[in-house]
Amino acid sequence: MKVFIPNVNFNTVNSLSIFILTRPFFSESGWCNDDELKRKWNVINSVEYTSNISEARFVLIPHSINWYFEHNSQNELIDINSDCKRLNIKAYGIIVGDLGISFPDFSNIYYFRMGGFKSQLSSKNMSFPFSLSDQWVTIFKSKDPIPNQKNEVPVIGFCGHASFDIRKNVIEKLKFFKENCFRLIKNPFRNDFEPLFASAFERACLLRSFEKSSKIKTNFIYRNHYRAGAKNEKERRDTTIEYYNNLKDSDYILCLRGAGNFSVRLYETLMMGKIPIFINTDCILPFEDKIDWKNHVVWVEWEHRKNCAAIVSDFHANISNNDFIRLQESNRRLWKNQLSVSAILEKL
């Protein structure tokens, strides 16, 4: 299977700034098929770069979609779309950033993104999983986690930014208010305005509801700042180990959106072979036509969040020990086999 990637300025571009799906083919001298590089990304036998778009099964757009609009280079997207339309193939690009800003649709270009609201977005938008290295192998020095046996009472874990601080609540909401004012000035008829959402406050409220339940055992670490405000490498390493130990020692993990309408913790939970408690805030999830996400998480709609503890308790009571173990193993396989760079290229 061959992929075409339009050229960039290889003298100035940083490989970390381009779409991650293009990085297995990136060298300082141009796009290539380097076996060592492709082996690093585990794409040796799946996808090959071609400099001839007529040979390609699909196209990867190297810069973010935001970049083309910020640099007045929309014509490059128009040209890519025209070529894809002529050849009856698709192109894929990435929209970066937390906020769910929308961009004009093209007939043959599909957008990957993490932020955004499902009800606001066209079918040309798809969720992209947050890219993670395998922290289980790095920190705990084994191939895969050993699944927990089912105990009578479920252990709910959370380590992160959660706070009842009114000042932080107001500041978070003001950020979205300012963003909405900016969008309103640019186009008052747009439909991608952001809800005024204070993620740290909403997380704290959900954690408190778990703590009040007699049917739940909690394993919570409240942090007043993102990554505990770590300022140096040692603090970042220590807080990372503390974070993943919290995941390891829990059965279920609360996964609620942050500044953007997506949860990085969802993918970290799957990586660790745990069960996400996924609070759906009109989210888009990766490959929803291929992955039945409700078979991998405890799914809680936002409007039912006040009953979250009871929903998790009922789920745990009704799952057998064997199915509980299988679910943990299935979630680890989902992350390894379907949400990696090589797996996404296979899907495309």
C-alpha atoms as a PDB file:
ATOM      1  CA  MET A   1       0.000   0.000   0.000  1.00  0.00           C
ATOM      2  CA  LYS A   2       1.485   3.343  -1.055  1.00  0.00           C
ATOM      3  CA  VAL A   3       1.029   6.830   0.375  1.00  0.00           C
ATOM      4  CA  PHE A   4       1.857  10.199  -1.180  1.00  0.00           C
ATOM      5  CA  ILE A   5       2.971  13.143   0.975  1.00  0.00           C
ATOM      6  CA  PRO A   6       3.376  16.657  -0.482  1.00  0.00           C
ATOM      7  CA  ASN A   7       6.805  18.173   0.049  1.00  0.00           C
ATOM      8  CA  VAL A   8       7.662  20.659   2.784  1.00  0.00           C
ATOM      9  CA  ASN A   9      10.699  22.857   3.356  1.00  0.00           C
ATOM     10  CA  PHE A  10      12.971  20.163   4.768  1.00  0.00           C
ATOM     11  CA  ASN A  11      15.673  22.718   5.598  1.00  0.00           C
ATOM     12  CA  THR A  12      13.517  24.493   8.155  1.00  0.00           C
ATOM     13  CA  VAL A  13      10.719  22.157   9.252  1.00  0.00           C
ATOM     14  CA  ASN A  14      10.937  20.392  12.614  1.00  0.00           C
ATOM     15  CA  SER A  15       9.792  16.775  12.379  1.00  0.00           C
ATOM     16  CA  LEU A  16       7.870  17.186  15.648  1.00  0.00           C
ATOM     17  CA  SER A  17       5.739  19.905  14.070  1.00  0.00           C
ATOM     18  CA  ILE A  18       4.381  17.766  11.228  1.00  0.00           C
ATOM     19  CA  PHE A  19       1.519  15.264  11.231  1.00  0.00           C
ATOM     20  CA  ILE A  20       2.640  12.238  13.241  1.00  0.00           C
ATOM     21  CA  LEU A  21       1.473   9.799  10.547  1.00  0.00           C
ATOM     22  CA  THR A  22       4.071  11.278   8.176  1.00  0.00           C
ATOM     23  CA  ARG A  23       7.012  10.892  10.564  1.00  0.00           C
ATOM     24  CA  PRO A  24       7.833   7.254   9.658  1.00  0.00           C
ATOM     25  CA  PHE A  25       8.779   8.629   6.207  1.00  0.00           C
ATOM     26  CA  PHE A  26      10.562  11.840   7.240  1.00  0.00           C
ATOM     27  CA  SER A  27      14.267  12.533   6.776  1.00  0.00           C
ATOM     28  CA  GLU A  28      16.117  15.838   6.594  1.00  0.00           C
ATOM     29  CA  SER A  29      16.621  15.295   2.876  1.00  0.00           C
ATOM     30  CA  GLY A  30      13.007  14.449   2.076  1.00  0.00           C
ATOM     31  CA  TRP A  31      10.333  11.783   2.347  1.00  0.00           C
ATOM     32  CA  CYS A  32      11.817   8.304   2.145  1.00  0.00           C
ATOM     33  CA  ASN A  33      11.411   4.580   2.732  1.00  0.00           C
ATOM     34  CA  ASP A  34      14.083   3.972   5.332  1.00  0.00           C
ATOM     35  CA  ASP A  35      13.760   0.502   6.878  1.00  0.00           C
ATOM     36  CA  GLU A  36      15.314   1.501  10.199  1.00  0.00           C
ATOM     37  CA  LEU A  37      13.019   4.516  10.541  1.00  0.00           C
ATOM     38  CA  LYS A  38       9.941   2.534   9.552  1.00  0.00           C
ATOM     39  CA  ARG A  39      10.900  -0.257  11.949  1.00  0.00           C
ATOM     40  CA  LYS A  40      10.932   2.295  14.772  1.00  0.00           C
ATOM     41  CA  TRP A  41       7.299   3.090  13.944  1.00  0.00           C
ATOM     42  CA  ASN A  42       6.428  -0.573  13.216  1.00  0.00           C
ATOM     43  CA  VAL A  43       5.262   0.172   9.655  1.00  0.00           C
ATOM     44  CA  ILE A  44       7.808  -1.967   7.766  1.00  0.00           C
ATOM     45  CA  ASN A  45       5.284  -4.214   6.034  1.00  0.00           C
ATOM     46  CA  SER A  46       2.243  -1.969   5.844  1.00  0.00           C
ATOM     47  CA  VAL A  47       2.810   1.320   4.017  1.00  0.00           C
ATOM     48  CA  GLU A  48       5.357   2.597   1.519  1.00  0.00           C
ATOM     49  CA  TYR A  49       5.956   6.202   0.493  1.00  0.00           C
ATOM     50  CA  THR A  50       5.685   7.072  -3.201  1.00  0.00           C
ATOM     51  CA  SER A  51       6.667  10.326  -4.883  1.00  0.00           C
ATOM     52  CA  ASN A  52       4.051   9.659  -7.598  1.00  0.00           C
ATOM     53  CA  ILE A  53       0.565  10.564  -6.393  1.00  0.00           C
ATOM     54  CA  SER A  54      -0.968   8.435  -9.157  1.00  0.00           C
ATOM     55  CA  GLU A  55       0.389   5.322  -7.412  1.00  0.00           C
ATOM     56  CA  ALA A  56      -0.954   6.269  -3.989  1.00  0.00           C
ATOM     57  CA  ARG A  57      -3.908   4.723  -2.181  1.00  0.00           C
ATOM     58  CA  PHE A  58      -4.226   7.874  -0.039  1.00  0.00           C
ATOM     59  CA  VAL A  59      -2.477  11.170   0.741  1.00  0.00           C
ATOM     60  CA  LEU A  60      -1.160  12.487   4.063  1.00  0.00           C
ATOM     61  CA  ILE A  61      -1.084  16.272   4.497  1.00  0.00           C
ATOM     62  CA  PRO A  62       2.184  17.090   6.299  1.00  0.00           C
ATOM     63  CA  HIS A  63       1.437  20.398   8.065  1.00  0.00           C
ATOM     64  CA  SER A  64      -1.545  20.856  10.351  1.00  0.00           C
ATOM     65  CA  ILE A  65      -4.691  22.171   8.684  1.00  0.00           C
ATOM     66  CA  ASN A  66      -4.369  25.193  10.999  1.00  0.00           C
ATOM     67  CA  TRP A  67      -0.949  25.935   9.462  1.00  0.00           C
ATOM     68  CA  TYR A  68      -2.325  26.249   5.918  1.00  0.00           C
ATOM     69  CA  PHE A  69      -4.931  28.789   7.011  1.00  0.00           C
ATOM     70  CA  GLU A  70      -2.564  30.700   9.295  1.00  0.00           C
ATOM     71  CA  HIS A  71       0.001  30.994   6.447  1.00  0.00           C
ATOM     72  CA  ASN A  72      -2.581  31.869   3.757  1.00  0.00           C
ATOM     73  CA  SER A  73      -1.734  28.615   1.987  1.00  0.00           C
ATOM     74  CA  GLN A  74      -5.274  27.332   1.459  1.00  0.00           C
ATOM     75  CA  ASN A  75      -4.462  26.975  -2.254  1.00  0.00           C
ATOM     76  CA  GLU A  76      -2.198  24.057  -1.371  1.00  0.00           C
ATOM     77  CA  LEU A  77      -5.191  22.303   0.184  1.00  0.00           C
ATOM     78  CA  ILE A  78      -7.303  23.133  -2.870  1.00  0.00           C
ATOM     79  CA  ASP A  79      -4.634  21.566  -5.118  1.00  0.00           C
ATOM     80  CA  ILE A  80      -4.378  18.453  -2.934  1.00  0.00           C
ATOM     81  CA  ASN A  81      -8.146  18.075  -2.987  1.00  0.00           C
ATOM     82  CA  SER A  82      -8.277  18.476  -6.776  1.00  0.00           C
ATOM     83  CA  ASP A  83      -5.639  15.777  -7.283  1.00  0.00           C
ATOM     84  CA  CYS A  84      -7.445  13.414  -4.906  1.00  0.00           C
ATOM     85  CA  LYS A  85     -10.772  14.042  -6.598  1.00  0.00           C
ATOM     86  CA  ARG A  86      -9.241  13.322 -10.008  1.00  0.00           C
ATOM     87  CA  LEU A  87      -7.709  10.058  -8.754  1.00  0.00           C
ATOM     88  CA  ASN A  88     -10.676   9.093  -6.561  1.00  0.00           C
ATOM     89  CA  ILE A  89      -8.583   8.827  -3.385  1.00  0.00           C
ATOM     90  CA  LYS A  90      -8.708  10.543   0.012  1.00  0.00           C
ATOM     91  CA  ALA A  91      -6.335  12.862   1.820  1.00  0.00           C
ATOM     92  CA  TYR A  92      -5.978  13.062   5.594  1.00  0.00           C
ATOM     93  CA  GLY A  93      -4.741  15.984   7.685  1.00  0.00           C
ATOM     94  CA  ILE A  94      -4.656  16.934  11.366  1.00  0.00           C
ATOM     95  CA  ILE A  95      -6.286  19.887  13.149  1.00  0.00           C
ATOM     96  CA  VAL A  96      -4.215  20.717  16.228  1.00  0.00           C
ATOM     97  CA  GLY A  97      -5.066  22.516  19.452  1.00  0.00           C
ATOM     98  CA  ASP A  98      -7.445  22.006  22.338  1.00  0.00           C
ATOM     99  CA  LEU A  99     -10.294  24.091  21.017  1.00  0.00           C
ATOM    100  CA  GLY A 100     -12.909  22.730  18.629  1.00  0.00           C
ATOM    101  CA  ILE A 101     -12.488  25.283  15.860  1.00  0.00           C
ATOM    102  CA  SER A 102     -13.919  24.214  12.501  1.00  0.00           C
ATOM    103  CA  PHE A 103     -12.416  24.671   9.024  1.00  0.00           C
ATOM    104  CA  PRO A 104     -14.057  24.625   5.574  1.00  0.00           C
ATOM    105  CA  ASP A 105     -14.732  21.172   4.171  1.00  0.00           C
ATOM    106  CA  PHE A 106     -13.170  19.782   1.009  1.00  0.00           C
ATOM    107  CA  SER A 107     -14.746  16.926  -0.919  1.00  0.00           C
ATOM    108  CA  ASN A 108     -11.780  14.525  -0.628  1.00  0.00           C
ATOM    109  CA  ILE A 109      -9.950  15.777   2.463  1.00  0.00           C
ATOM    110  CA  TYR A 110     -10.691  14.332   5.900  1.00  0.00           C
ATOM    111  CA  TYR A 111      -9.666  16.013   9.135  1.00  0.00           C
ATOM    112  CA  PHE A 112      -8.264  14.215  12.159  1.00  0.00           C
ATOM    113  CA  ARG A 113      -8.611  16.124  15.414  1.00  0.00           C
ATOM    114  CA  MET A 114      -8.850  15.630  19.167  1.00  0.00           C
ATOM    115  CA  GLY A 115     -10.903  18.688  20.149  1.00  0.00           C
ATOM    116  CA  GLY A 116     -14.348  19.517  18.861  1.00  0.00           C
ATOM    117  CA  PHE A 117     -17.977  18.621  19.442  1.00  0.00           C
ATOM    118  CA  LYS A 118     -19.644  15.809  17.564  1.00  0.00           C
ATOM    119  CA  SER A 119     -22.929  17.682  17.078  1.00  0.00           C
ATOM    120  CA  GLN A 120     -21.097  20.655  15.515  1.00  0.00           C
ATOM    121  CA  LEU A 121     -18.814  18.804  13.111  1.00  0.00           C
ATOM    122  CA  SER A 122     -19.329  17.448   9.616  1.00  0.00           C
ATOM    123  CA  SER A 123     -18.646  13.848   8.627  1.00  0.00           C
ATOM    124  CA  LYS A 124     -15.274  15.013   7.262  1.00  0.00           C
ATOM    125  CA  ASN A 125     -13.992  15.222  10.860  1.00  0.00           C
ATOM    126  CA  MET A 126     -12.595  12.197  12.694  1.00  0.00           C
ATOM    127  CA  SER A 127     -11.065  11.811  16.131  1.00  0.00           C
ATOM    128  CA  PHE A 128      -7.345  11.112  16.448  1.00  0.00           C
ATOM    129  CA  PRO A 129      -5.983   9.233  19.484  1.00  0.00           C
ATOM    130  CA  PHE A 130      -3.432  10.980  21.652  1.00  0.00           C
ATOM    131  CA  SER A 131      -0.020   9.510  20.808  1.00  0.00           C
ATOM    132  CA  LEU A 132       1.705   7.840  23.747  1.00  0.00           C
ATOM    133  CA  SER A 133       4.828   5.806  24.291  1.00  0.00           C
ATOM    134  CA  ASP A 134       4.262   2.583  26.231  1.00  0.00           C
ATOM    135  CA  GLN A 135       4.670   3.780  29.811  1.00  0.00           C
ATOM    136  CA  TRP A 136       3.813   0.341  31.171  1.00  0.00           C
ATOM    137  CA  VAL A 137       6.965  -1.108  29.574  1.00  0.00           C
ATOM    138  CA  THR A 138       9.065   1.972  30.419  1.00  0.00           C
ATOM    139  CA  ILE A 139       8.099   2.262  34.090  1.00  0.00           C
ATOM    140  CA  PHE A 140       7.107  -1.246  35.143  1.00  0.00           C
ATOM    141  CA  LYS A 141       9.561  -3.187  32.958  1.00  0.00           C
ATOM    142  CA  SER A 142       7.249  -5.928  31.702  1.00  0.00           C
ATOM    143  CA  LYS A 143       5.450  -6.643  28.449  1.00  0.00           C
ATOM    144  CA  ASP A 144       1.826  -6.284  29.589  1.00  0.00           C
ATOM    145  CA  PRO A 145      -0.061  -5.522  32.814  1.00  0.00           C
ATOM    146  CA  ILE A 146      -1.439  -8.392  34.894  1.00  0.00           C
ATOM    147  CA  PRO A 147      -5.215  -7.825  35.070  1.00  0.00           C
ATOM    148  CA  ASN A 148      -6.782  -7.207  38.473  1.00  0.00           C
ATOM    149  CA  GLN A 149      -9.110  -9.834  39.882  1.00  0.00           C
ATOM    150  CA  LYS A 150     -12.605  -8.569  40.567  1.00  0.00           C
ATOM    151  CA  ASN A 151     -13.143  -7.484  44.164  1.00  0.00           C
ATOM    152  CA  GLU A 152     -16.544  -6.907  45.730  1.00  0.00           C
ATOM    153  CA  VAL A 153     -16.036  -3.131  45.754  1.00  0.00           C
ATOM    154  CA  PRO A 154     -14.542  -1.400  42.683  1.00  0.00           C
ATOM    155  CA  VAL A 155     -11.485   0.822  43.085  1.00  0.00           C
ATOM    156  CA  ILE A 156     -11.905   4.126  41.224  1.00  0.00           C
ATOM    157  CA  GLY A 157      -8.685   5.968  40.449  1.00  0.00           C
ATOM    158  CA  PHE A 158      -7.859   9.533  39.501  1.00  0.00           C
ATOM    159  CA  CYS A 159      -4.677  11.574  39.658  1.00  0.00           C
ATOM    160  CA  GLY A 160      -4.824  15.053  38.179  1.00  0.00           C
ATOM    161  CA  HIS A 161      -6.004  18.625  38.212  1.00  0.00           C
ATOM    162  CA  ALA A 162      -9.252  18.869  40.188  1.00  0.00           C
ATOM    163  CA  SER A 163     -10.228  21.818  42.346  1.00  0.00           C
ATOM    164  CA  PHE A 164     -13.209  23.607  43.929  1.00  0.00           C
ATOM    165  CA  ASP A 165     -11.298  26.919  43.760  1.00  0.00           C
ATOM    166  CA  ILE A 166     -13.840  29.525  42.614  1.00  0.00           C
ATOM    167  CA  ARG A 167     -11.121  31.742  41.136  1.00  0.00           C
ATOM    168  CA  LYS A 168      -9.904  28.918  38.874  1.00  0.00           C
ATOM    169  CA  ASN A 169     -13.484  28.134  37.925  1.00  0.00           C
ATOM    170  CA  VAL A 170     -14.041  31.725  36.765  1.00  0.00           C
ATOM    171  CA  ILE A 171     -10.672  31.955  34.952  1.00  0.00           C
ATOM    172  CA  GLU A 172     -11.335  28.748  32.971  1.00  0.00           C
ATOM    173  CA  LYS A 173     -14.762  29.966  31.880  1.00  0.00           C
ATOM    174  CA  LEU A 174     -13.421  33.417  30.967  1.00  0.00           C
ATOM    175  CA  LYS A 175     -10.927  31.809  28.563  1.00  0.00           C
ATOM    176  CA  PHE A 176     -13.796  30.234  26.629  1.00  0.00           C
ATOM    177  CA  PHE A 177     -15.818  33.462  26.781  1.00  0.00           C
ATOM    178  CA  LYS A 178     -12.923  35.418  25.230  1.00  0.00           C
ATOM    179  CA  GLU A 179     -12.475  32.759  22.537  1.00  0.00           C
ATOM    180  CA  ASN A 180     -16.180  32.893  21.699  1.00  0.00           C
ATOM    181  CA  CYS A 181     -16.046  36.704  21.429  1.00  0.00           C
ATOM    182  CA  PHE A 182     -13.139  36.393  18.995  1.00  0.00           C
ATOM    183  CA  ARG A 183     -15.050  33.857  16.896  1.00  0.00           C
ATOM    184  CA  LEU A 184     -18.212  35.973  16.998  1.00  0.00           C
ATOM    185  CA  ILE A 185     -16.329  38.966  15.593  1.00  0.00           C
ATOM    186  CA  LYS A 186     -14.873  36.856  12.784  1.00  0.00           C
ATOM    187  CA  ASN A 187     -18.173  35.201  11.864  1.00  0.00           C
ATOM    188  CA  PRO A 188     -21.381  35.709  13.892  1.00  0.00           C
ATOM    189  CA  PHE A 189     -23.169  32.910  12.008  1.00  0.00           C
ATOM    190  CA  ARG A 190     -20.705  30.118  12.824  1.00  0.00           C
ATOM    191  CA  ASN A 191     -21.786  27.095  14.870  1.00  0.00           C
ATOM    192  CA  ASP A 192     -18.563  26.183  16.698  1.00  0.00           C
ATOM    193  CA  PHE A 193     -18.841  28.248  19.884  1.00  0.00           C
ATOM    194  CA  GLU A 194     -17.329  26.684  23.019  1.00  0.00           C
ATOM    195  CA  PRO A 195     -19.364  25.915  26.166  1.00  0.00           C
ATOM    196  CA  LEU A 196     -18.113  27.750  29.257  1.00  0.00           C
ATOM    197  CA  PHE A 197     -16.585  24.679  30.891  1.00  0.00           C
ATOM    198  CA  ALA A 198     -14.409  24.594  34.030  1.00  0.00           C
ATOM    199  CA  SER A 199     -12.781  21.162  33.805  1.00  0.00           C
ATOM    200  CA  ALA A 200     -10.945  21.233  37.169  1.00  0.00           C
ATOM    201  CA  PHE A 201     -14.164  22.175  38.998  1.00  0.00           C
ATOM    202  CA  GLU A 202     -16.300  19.584  37.180  1.00  0.00           C
ATOM    203  CA  ARG A 203     -13.751  16.858  37.898  1.00  0.00           C
ATOM    204  CA  ALA A 204     -13.734  17.782  41.579  1.00  0.00           C
ATOM    205  CA  CYS A 205     -17.535  17.548  41.686  1.00  0.00           C
ATOM    206  CA  LEU A 206     -17.472  14.065  40.147  1.00  0.00           C
ATOM    207  CA  LEU A 207     -14.710  12.893  42.478  1.00  0.00           C
ATOM    208  CA  ARG A 208     -16.703  14.153  45.474  1.00  0.00           C
ATOM    209  CA  SER A 209     -19.762  12.188  44.319  1.00  0.00           C
ATOM    210  CA  PHE A 210     -17.647   8.998  44.270  1.00  0.00           C
ATOM    211  CA  GLU A 211     -16.271   9.752  47.722  1.00  0.00           C
ATOM    212  CA  LYS A 212     -19.817   9.980  49.111  1.00  0.00           C
ATOM    213  CA  SER A 213     -20.728   6.491  47.853  1.00  0.00           C
ATOM    214  CA  SER A 214     -20.445   3.524  50.208  1.00  0.00           C
ATOM    215  CA  LYS A 215     -20.261   1.174  47.202  1.00  0.00           C
ATOM    216  CA  ILE A 216     -17.008   2.653  45.865  1.00  0.00           C
ATOM    217  CA  LYS A 217     -13.407   2.612  47.052  1.00  0.00           C
ATOM    218  CA  THR A 218     -11.568   5.707  45.906  1.00  0.00           C
ATOM    219  CA  ASN A 219      -7.902   6.159  45.018  1.00  0.00           C
ATOM    220  CA  PHE A 220      -7.725   9.890  44.287  1.00  0.00           C
ATOM    221  CA  ILE A 221      -4.818  12.308  44.124  1.00  0.00           C
ATOM    222  CA  TYR A 222      -6.034  15.898  43.783  1.00  0.00           C
ATOM    223  CA  ARG A 223      -3.603  18.265  42.116  1.00  0.00           C
ATOM    224  CA  ASN A 224      -3.944  22.048  42.116  1.00  0.00           C
ATOM    225  CA  HIS A 225      -2.093  22.454  38.810  1.00  0.00           C
ATOM    226  CA  TYR A 226      -1.548  20.529  35.595  1.00  0.00           C
ATOM    227  CA  ARG A 227       1.146  17.864  36.208  1.00  0.00           C
ATOM    228  CA  ALA A 228       1.279  19.098  39.815  1.00  0.00           C
ATOM    229  CA  GLY A 229       3.070  22.229  38.582  1.00  0.00           C
ATOM    230  CA  ALA A 230       6.305  20.276  37.976  1.00  0.00           C
ATOM    231  CA  LYS A 231       9.154  22.700  37.172  1.00  0.00           C
ATOM    232  CA  ASN A 232      12.146  20.447  36.482  1.00  0.00           C
ATOM    233  CA  GLU A 233      12.991  17.029  35.104  1.00  0.00           C
ATOM    234  CA  LYS A 234      13.050  15.297  38.510  1.00  0.00           C
ATOM    235  CA  GLU A 235       9.631  16.678  39.448  1.00  0.00           C
ATOM    236  CA  ARG A 236       8.222  15.680  36.053  1.00  0.00           C
ATOM    237  CA  ARG A 237       9.619  12.150  36.440  1.00  0.00           C
ATOM    238  CA  ASP A 238       8.338  11.786  40.014  1.00  0.00           C
ATOM    239  CA  THR A 239       4.838  13.025  39.189  1.00  0.00           C
ATOM    240  CA  THR A 240       4.697  10.807  36.093  1.00  0.00           C
ATOM    241  CA  ILE A 241       5.548   7.714  38.163  1.00  0.00           C
ATOM    242  CA  GLU A 242       2.984   8.743  40.790  1.00  0.00           C
ATOM    243  CA  TYR A 243       0.383   9.182  38.047  1.00  0.00           C
ATOM    244  CA  TYR A 244       0.949   5.764  36.477  1.00  0.00           C
ATOM    245  CA  ASN A 245       1.081   4.045  39.864  1.00  0.00           C
ATOM    246  CA  ASN A 246      -2.359   5.500  40.521  1.00  0.00           C
ATOM    247  CA  LEU A 247      -3.590   3.939  37.278  1.00  0.00           C
ATOM    248  CA  LYS A 248      -1.912   0.617  38.069  1.00  0.00           C
ATOM    249  CA  ASP A 249      -3.479   0.397  41.531  1.00  0.00           C
ATOM    250  CA  SER A 250      -7.036   1.099  40.357  1.00  0.00           C
ATOM    251  CA  ASP A 251      -9.749  -0.830  38.501  1.00  0.00           C
ATOM    252  CA  TYR A 252     -11.596   2.055  36.861  1.00  0.00           C
ATOM    253  CA  ILE A 253     -10.340   5.545  35.987  1.00  0.00           C
ATOM    254  CA  LEU A 254     -12.437   8.701  35.705  1.00  0.00           C
ATOM    255  CA  CYS A 255     -11.927  10.194  32.213  1.00  0.00           C
ATOM    256  CA  LEU A 256     -13.444  13.656  31.759  1.00  0.00           C
ATOM    257  CA  ARG A 257     -12.429  16.260  29.204  1.00  0.00           C
ATOM    258  CA  GLY A 258      -9.883  18.959  30.025  1.00  0.00           C
ATOM    259  CA  ALA A 259      -9.334  22.326  28.337  1.00  0.00           C
ATOM    260  CA  GLY A 260     -10.317  20.677  25.051  1.00  0.00           C
ATOM    261  CA  ASN A 261     -13.268  18.370  24.530  1.00  0.00           C
ATOM    262  CA  PHE A 262     -11.204  15.179  24.726  1.00  0.00           C
ATOM    263  CA  SER A 263      -9.484  13.099  27.390  1.00  0.00           C
ATOM    264  CA  VAL A 264      -5.810  12.145  27.149  1.00  0.00           C
ATOM    265  CA  ARG A 265      -6.429  10.053  30.277  1.00  0.00           C
ATOM    266  CA  LEU A 266      -8.736   7.799  28.225  1.00  0.00           C
ATOM    267  CA  TYR A 267      -5.784   6.582  26.124  1.00  0.00           C
ATOM    268  CA  GLU A 268      -3.471   6.332  29.136  1.00  0.00           C
ATOM    269  CA  THR A 269      -6.088   4.173  30.870  1.00  0.00           C
ATOM    270  CA  LEU A 270      -6.375   1.848  27.874  1.00  0.00           C
ATOM    271  CA  MET A 271      -2.586   1.636  27.636  1.00  0.00           C
ATOM    272  CA  MET A 272      -2.451   0.503  31.264  1.00  0.00           C
ATOM    273  CA  GLY A 273      -5.133  -2.133  30.700  1.00  0.00           C
ATOM    274  CA  LYS A 274      -7.674  -0.441  32.974  1.00  0.00           C
ATOM    275  CA  ILE A 275     -11.337   0.443  32.460  1.00  0.00           C
ATOM    276  CA  PRO A 276     -12.194   4.077  31.658  1.00  0.00           C
ATOM    277  CA  ILE A 277     -15.243   5.749  33.152  1.00  0.00           C
ATOM    278  CA  PHE A 278     -15.891   7.859  30.086  1.00  0.00           C
ATOM    279  CA  ILE A 279     -17.985  10.986  30.641  1.00  0.00           C
ATOM    280  CA  ASN A 280     -19.385  11.857  27.219  1.00  0.00           C
ATOM    281  CA  THR A 281     -19.462  15.612  26.620  1.00  0.00           C
ATOM    282  CA  ASP A 282     -20.488  15.407  22.946  1.00  0.00           C
ATOM    283  CA  CYS A 283     -17.101  13.880  22.113  1.00  0.00           C
ATOM    284  CA  ILE A 284     -15.824  12.297  18.930  1.00  0.00           C
ATOM    285  CA  LEU A 285     -13.807   9.105  19.380  1.00  0.00           C
ATOM    286  CA  PRO A 286     -11.344   7.391  17.017  1.00  0.00           C
ATOM    287  CA  PHE A 287     -12.750   5.058  14.350  1.00  0.00           C
ATOM    288  CA  GLU A 288     -16.258   4.906  15.764  1.00  0.00           C
ATOM    289  CA  ASP A 289     -17.323   2.913  12.699  1.00  0.00           C
ATOM    290  CA  LYS A 290     -14.711   0.238  13.529  1.00  0.00           C
ATOM    291  CA  ILE A 291     -14.507   0.317  17.341  1.00  0.00           C
ATOM    292  CA  ASP A 292     -17.533  -0.206  19.593  1.00  0.00           C
ATOM    293  CA  TRP A 293     -16.335   2.087  22.362  1.00  0.00           C
ATOM    294  CA  LYS A 294     -19.166   1.142  24.711  1.00  0.00           C
ATOM    295  CA  ASN A 295     -17.628  -2.339  24.898  1.00  0.00           C
ATOM    296  CA  HIS A 296     -14.406  -0.852  26.320  1.00  0.00           C
ATOM    297  CA  VAL A 297     -15.582   1.778  28.814  1.00  0.00           C
ATOM    298  CA  VAL A 298     -18.218   2.512  31.412  1.00  0.00           C
ATOM    299  CA  TRP A 299     -20.138   5.054  29.347  1.00  0.00           C
ATOM    300  CA  VAL A 300     -21.798   7.943  31.194  1.00  0.00           C
ATOM    301  CA  GLU A 301     -23.618  10.720  29.363  1.00  0.00           C
ATOM    302  CA  TRP A 302     -22.897  14.201  30.725  1.00  0.00           C
ATOM    303  CA  GLU A 303     -26.510  14.719  31.794  1.00  0.00           C
ATOM    304  CA  HIS A 304     -26.294  11.537  33.915  1.00  0.00           C
ATOM    305  CA  ARG A 305     -23.022  12.444  35.629  1.00  0.00           C
ATOM    306  CA  LYS A 306     -24.653  12.914  39.058  1.00  0.00           C
ATOM    307  CA  ASN A 307     -25.496   9.199  39.014  1.00  0.00           C
ATOM    308  CA  CYS A 308     -21.956   8.236  38.014  1.00  0.00           C
ATOM    309  CA  ALA A 309     -21.122   6.354  41.233  1.00  0.00           C
ATOM    310  CA  ALA A 310     -24.275   4.245  40.991  1.00  0.00           C
ATOM    311  CA  ILE A 311     -23.666   3.525  37.288  1.00  0.00           C
ATOM    312  CA  VAL A 312     -20.131   2.277  37.988  1.00  0.00           C
ATOM    313  CA  SER A 313     -21.246   0.276  41.017  1.00  0.00           C
ATOM    314  CA  ASP A 314     -24.000  -1.439  38.995  1.00  0.00           C
ATOM    315  CA  PHE A 315     -21.594  -2.155  36.128  1.00  0.00           C
ATOM    316  CA  HIS A 316     -19.104  -3.736  38.521  1.00  0.00           C
ATOM    317  CA  ALA A 317     -21.770  -5.800  40.294  1.00  0.00           C
ATOM    318  CA  ASN A 318     -23.038  -7.238  37.008  1.00  0.00           C
ATOM    319  CA  ILE A 319     -19.732  -8.194  35.403  1.00  0.00           C
ATOM    320  CA  SER A 320     -18.247 -11.615  36.097  1.00  0.00           C
ATOM    321  CA  ASN A 321     -14.640 -12.027  37.215  1.00  0.00           C
ATOM    322  CA  ASN A 322     -13.714 -13.632  33.885  1.00  0.00           C
ATOM    323  CA  ASP A 323     -15.313 -10.803  31.873  1.00  0.00           C
ATOM    324  CA  PHE A 324     -13.679  -8.240  34.167  1.00  0.00           C
ATOM    325  CA  ILE A 325     -10.275  -9.757  33.392  1.00  0.00           C
ATOM    326  CA  ARG A 326     -11.043 -10.038  29.670  1.00  0.00           C
ATOM    327  CA  LEU A 327     -12.104  -6.390  29.511  1.00  0.00           C
ATOM    328  CA  GLN A 328      -8.794  -5.237  30.983  1.00  0.00           C
ATOM    329  CA  GLU A 329      -6.885  -7.390  28.490  1.00  0.00           C
ATOM    330  CA  SER A 330      -9.084  -6.202  25.622  1.00  0.00           C
ATOM    331  CA  ASN A 331      -8.430  -2.551  26.476  1.00  0.00           C
ATOM    332  CA  ARG A 332      -4.676  -3.077  26.484  1.00  0.00           C
ATOM    333  CA  ARG A 333      -4.922  -4.807  23.072  1.00  0.00           C
ATOM    334  CA  LEU A 334      -7.118  -2.002  21.749  1.00  0.00           C
ATOM    335  CA  TRP A 335      -4.438   0.555  22.580  1.00  0.00           C
ATOM    336  CA  LYS A 336      -1.558  -1.560  21.235  1.00  0.00           C
ATOM    337  CA  ASN A 337      -3.182  -2.916  18.087  1.00  0.00           C
ATOM    338  CA  GLN A 338      -5.653  -0.269  16.930  1.00  0.00           C
ATOM    339  CA  LEU A 339      -4.536   3.138  18.217  1.00  0.00           C
ATOM    340  CA  SER A 340      -0.839   3.103  17.253  1.00  0.00           C
ATOM    341  CA  VAL A 341       0.611   4.945  14.241  1.00  0.00           C
ATOM    342  CA  SER A 342       1.064   1.698  12.287  1.00  0.00           C
ATOM    343  CA  ALA A 343      -2.489   0.540  13.057  1.00  0.00           C
ATOM    344  CA  ILE A 344      -3.975   3.874  11.935  1.00  0.00           C
ATOM    345  CA  LEU A 345      -2.049   3.742   8.660  1.00  0.00           C
ATOM    346  CA  GLU A 346      -3.408   0.224   8.113  1.00  0.00           C
ATOM    347  CA  LYS A 347      -6.951   1.487   8.690  1.00  0.00           C
ATOM    348  CA  LEU A 348      -6.519   4.298   6.186  1.00  0.00           C
END
